[in-house]
Protein backbone atom coordinates (compact mmCIF):
# COMPACT_ATOMS: atom_id res chain seq x y z
CA MET A 1 33.31 -34.37 44.74
CA ARG A 2 32.33 -30.97 44.10
CA ASN A 3 31.07 -31.95 40.36
CA LEU A 4 28.57 -34.05 42.01
CA LEU A 5 27.31 -31.87 44.66
CA LEU A 6 26.49 -29.50 41.30
CA ILE A 7 25.00 -32.31 39.80
CA CYS A 8 22.66 -33.10 43.30
CA LEU A 9 21.79 -29.47 43.25
CA LEU A 10 20.55 -29.08 39.52
CA SER A 11 18.65 -32.01 39.73
CA CYS A 12 17.15 -30.87 42.41
CA ASN A 13 16.28 -27.45 40.46
CA ILE A 14 15.18 -29.11 37.64
CA SER A 15 12.85 -31.44 39.26
CA CYS A 16 11.03 -28.11 40.40
CA LEU A 17 9.65 -28.71 37.10
CA ALA A 18 7.45 -31.91 37.18
CA GLN A 19 4.81 -29.91 39.30
CA THR A 20 3.90 -27.40 36.83
CA LEU A 21 4.29 -29.73 33.86
CA PRO A 22 1.13 -32.84 32.93
CA GLU A 23 2.17 -35.99 34.00
CA PRO A 24 2.61 -38.44 30.74
CA VAL A 25 1.60 -41.95 30.38
CA LEU A 26 4.78 -43.56 32.02
CA PRO A 27 6.00 -46.88 33.20
CA ASP A 28 7.11 -46.34 36.81
CA TRP A 29 10.65 -47.68 36.37
CA ASN A 30 13.05 -49.04 33.65
CA ILE A 31 16.81 -49.73 33.43
CA HIS A 32 18.47 -49.47 30.24
CA LEU A 33 21.37 -50.85 28.81
CA ARG A 34 23.36 -48.55 26.77
CA GLY A 35 26.13 -48.03 25.15
CA LYS A 36 27.82 -48.41 21.52
CA TYR A 37 31.40 -49.54 19.15
CA LEU A 38 32.32 -46.62 16.71
CA ILE A 39 34.99 -46.94 14.71
CA GLY A 40 36.12 -45.11 11.45
CA GLY A 41 38.66 -43.27 9.24
CA LEU A 42 40.26 -40.17 6.90
CA LEU A 43 42.21 -41.50 4.51
CA GLU A 44 44.57 -44.39 5.12
CA ASP A 45 47.00 -41.55 8.00
CA LEU A 46 44.08 -41.29 10.37
CA TYR A 47 41.39 -43.74 11.91
CA TRP A 48 39.74 -44.33 15.55
CA ARG A 49 37.77 -46.02 17.39
CA GLY A 50 35.43 -45.02 20.69
CA TYR A 51 32.56 -47.14 22.84
CA ASN A 52 30.99 -46.42 25.93
CA TYR A 53 28.91 -48.95 28.16
CA GLY A 54 27.09 -48.57 31.33
CA ILE A 55 23.69 -48.45 33.05
CA SER A 56 20.67 -45.79 33.67
CA PHE A 57 17.79 -45.69 36.01
CA GLN A 58 14.60 -43.96 35.26
CA TRP A 59 11.89 -43.07 37.26
CA LYS A 60 8.84 -41.67 35.89
CA ARG A 61 10.73 -38.51 34.40
CA HIS A 62 13.85 -39.08 36.41
CA LEU A 63 16.88 -41.01 34.68
CA ILE A 64 20.16 -41.77 35.88
CA GLY A 65 23.02 -43.23 34.60
CA ILE A 66 26.38 -44.12 34.67
CA ASP A 67 28.98 -45.17 31.10
CA GLY A 68 32.51 -45.87 31.12
CA ALA A 69 34.09 -44.47 27.83
CA VAL A 70 37.29 -44.97 25.89
CA TYR A 71 38.38 -43.26 22.61
CA ARG A 72 41.79 -44.40 20.93
CA GLN A 73 42.96 -42.27 17.34
CA THR A 74 45.95 -43.13 15.58
CA ASN A 75 48.12 -40.58 12.79
CA GLU A 76 50.00 -42.80 10.69
CA ARG A 77 53.47 -40.53 9.26
CA ASP A 78 54.79 -41.08 5.74
CA ASN A 79 58.01 -39.68 4.39
CA ASP A 80 58.00 -38.35 0.72
CA PHE A 81 56.74 -41.41 -0.95
CA ASP A 82 53.75 -41.95 0.86
CA GLU A 83 55.11 -44.94 3.13
CA ALA A 84 54.30 -45.51 6.73
CA GLN A 85 56.92 -43.98 9.46
CA TYR A 86 55.67 -44.02 12.49
CA ARG A 87 51.77 -43.48 14.30
CA GLU A 88 51.01 -41.09 16.72
CA ILE A 89 48.82 -42.20 19.23
CA ASN A 90 46.44 -40.86 21.66
CA ARG A 91 44.20 -42.10 23.81
CA ARG A 92 41.31 -40.98 26.22
CA THR A 93 39.49 -42.70 29.28
CA SER A 94 36.65 -41.77 31.84
CA ILE A 95 33.23 -42.01 33.48
CA TYR A 96 30.30 -39.79 32.72
CA LEU A 97 27.63 -39.51 35.02
CA ASP A 98 24.07 -37.77 34.22
CA TYR A 99 21.08 -36.75 35.17
CA SER A 100 18.24 -35.79 32.73
CA PHE A 101 14.36 -35.01 33.02
CA ARG A 102 11.95 -35.97 30.51
CA LEU A 103 9.55 -33.03 29.59
CA PHE A 104 7.58 -34.17 26.63
CA TYR A 105 6.93 -38.00 25.52
CA ASN A 106 5.02 -40.02 23.12
CA ASP A 107 5.07 -42.69 22.36
CA TYR A 108 7.88 -43.19 19.72
CA THR A 109 9.99 -39.94 21.00
CA GLU A 110 10.81 -38.21 24.11
CA TYR A 111 12.35 -35.06 24.86
CA TYR A 112 14.77 -34.08 27.66
CA ILE A 113 17.41 -31.78 29.41
CA GLN A 114 19.93 -32.54 31.35
CA VAL A 115 23.67 -32.07 33.50
CA TYR A 116 26.32 -34.02 33.39
CA SER A 117 29.75 -35.05 34.37
CA ARG A 118 32.65 -36.75 33.12
CA VAL A 119 34.85 -37.76 36.16
CA HIS A 120 38.28 -39.77 36.23
CA GLY A 121 38.93 -38.28 33.06
CA ASN A 122 43.04 -39.59 31.12
CA THR A 123 44.48 -39.04 28.79
CA TRP A 124 47.65 -40.66 27.06
CA PHE A 125 49.82 -39.64 23.95
CA TRP A 126 52.31 -41.60 22.68
CA ARG A 127 54.71 -42.76 19.12
CA GLU A 128 55.20 -45.87 17.74
CA ARG A 129 58.22 -47.11 15.00
CA ILE A 130 56.52 -48.54 11.76
CA SER A 131 59.33 -48.72 9.62
CA GLU A 132 62.90 -49.70 11.00
CA ASP A 133 64.12 -47.34 8.62
CA TYR A 134 62.70 -44.27 10.02
CA SER A 135 65.80 -43.10 12.04
CA PRO A 136 64.39 -39.33 13.15
CA SER A 137 67.36 -36.75 14.06
CA ASN A 138 66.32 -36.50 18.66
CA PRO A 139 67.15 -40.07 19.36
CA LYS A 140 64.69 -40.19 22.11
CA TYR A 141 62.05 -39.77 19.88
CA PHE A 142 60.15 -42.59 20.47
CA GLU A 143 60.25 -42.07 24.13
CA GLU A 144 58.74 -38.95 24.54
CA ARG A 145 55.86 -39.07 26.40
CA ALA A 146 52.03 -36.68 27.12
CA ARG A 147 49.67 -37.93 30.28
CA GLY A 148 47.12 -35.84 31.07
CA HIS A 149 44.19 -35.72 33.44
CA PHE A 150 40.49 -33.95 33.56
CA THR A 151 37.04 -32.88 34.18
CA ASP A 152 33.97 -31.86 32.83
CA PHE A 153 31.07 -30.19 34.18
CA GLY A 154 28.04 -29.39 31.61
CA GLY A 155 24.65 -29.73 30.75
CA GLY A 156 22.04 -29.52 27.29
CA LEU A 157 19.24 -30.91 25.47
CA GLY A 158 18.11 -34.21 24.53
CA VAL A 159 15.66 -36.49 22.05
CA ARG A 160 15.25 -40.40 22.56
CA PHE A 161 14.10 -42.20 19.57
CA HIS A 162 12.47 -45.36 19.82
CA PRO A 163 10.72 -47.46 17.77
CA LYS A 164 10.38 -50.48 19.43
CA PRO A 165 9.14 -51.72 22.60
CA HIS A 166 12.75 -52.78 23.56
CA PHE A 167 15.70 -50.59 20.92
CA GLY A 168 16.38 -47.12 20.98
CA ILE A 169 18.78 -44.31 20.72
CA ASP A 170 19.94 -41.47 22.80
CA VAL A 171 21.17 -37.94 21.26
CA ASN A 172 22.47 -34.83 22.61
CA LEU A 173 24.62 -31.59 22.09
CA ASN A 174 25.41 -30.26 25.42
CA MET A 175 28.19 -27.46 26.09
CA ALA A 176 30.65 -28.82 28.65
CA TYR A 177 33.29 -26.93 30.84
CA ARG A 178 36.52 -28.05 31.39
CA SER A 179 39.20 -28.98 33.30
CA TRP A 180 42.78 -30.36 32.24
CA ILE A 181 46.40 -31.05 33.24
CA ASN A 182 48.35 -32.39 30.78
CA GLU A 183 51.93 -33.02 31.51
CA SER A 184 54.85 -34.48 28.72
CA ILE A 185 57.89 -35.39 28.68
CA ARG A 186 60.90 -34.98 25.93
CA PHE A 187 64.23 -35.15 24.63
CA ASP A 188 66.13 -31.46 24.55
CA GLU A 189 69.46 -31.59 23.53
CA ASP A 190 70.95 -33.95 25.21
CA MET A 191 68.44 -33.50 28.51
CA TRP A 192 64.88 -34.53 29.38
CA ILE A 193 62.21 -31.70 29.55
CA THR A 194 59.05 -31.63 31.38
CA ASN A 195 56.34 -29.54 30.70
CA GLU A 196 52.98 -28.65 32.96
CA ALA A 197 49.78 -27.31 31.13
CA LYS A 198 46.82 -26.32 32.68
CA VAL A 199 43.65 -25.36 30.67
CA LYS A 200 40.75 -24.54 31.38
CA ASN A 201 37.62 -24.05 28.51
CA TRP A 202 34.02 -24.39 27.45
CA ILE A 203 33.46 -26.98 24.53
CA PRO A 204 30.79 -28.38 22.41
CA MET A 205 29.66 -31.98 23.26
CA LEU A 206 27.88 -33.96 20.81
CA ARG A 207 27.11 -37.39 22.23
CA ALA A 208 25.22 -40.86 20.24
CA THR A 209 24.32 -43.81 22.00
CA LEU A 210 21.97 -46.63 21.62
CA TYR A 211 20.29 -48.71 24.90
CA PHE A 212 18.15 -52.01 25.02
CA SER A 213 15.01 -51.51 27.81
CA LEU A 214 14.85 -54.17 30.21
CA ASN A 215 10.90 -53.19 31.48
CA HIS A 216 8.56 -54.35 28.31
CA THR A 217 6.30 -51.18 29.10
CA PHE A 218 8.46 -49.19 28.15
């Protein structure tokens, strides 16, 4: 709730810029369906996939949006003979809220500033056995888990390219303040140990997504 109030406050301050900038030729309104699906890897032991999906609403210079985001990364662990033994999996989900204010605009490109927040952020970590012959010294190794919760708040600059009337790509670079609480459980010396870590730091965030505009006059 605090992040939402901050977004509203900053949005009001940014909106004051509209009185000092020349009004561009824009449609009065637009609706964008936005999202992407990415998959990649590094050699054969590290691979990931992620996707986001959402909608944004534009009125003149102002745009607000909401997305759901999912990211999963898998690391395979090998033995000395390069045979996969087990995998470590990290999964992250969140809801992305953003407000952007258009600064400059032409037929194919627009530049903007924005504030955003990631809320209901959740992280998971666990291991999965690949080889049945692998026997770790810790008998509960594959039962150890970690679960976290995080919130981001930040802002930055972005650009949207729309070479076609309906389609475009949105890229922005932000700095965000992340508040993260992670709780892990591990087995050590015949007993389960629970640890809780709290981390607060600034992180850079590069984000790119595709969008489809419903208003054909865009």
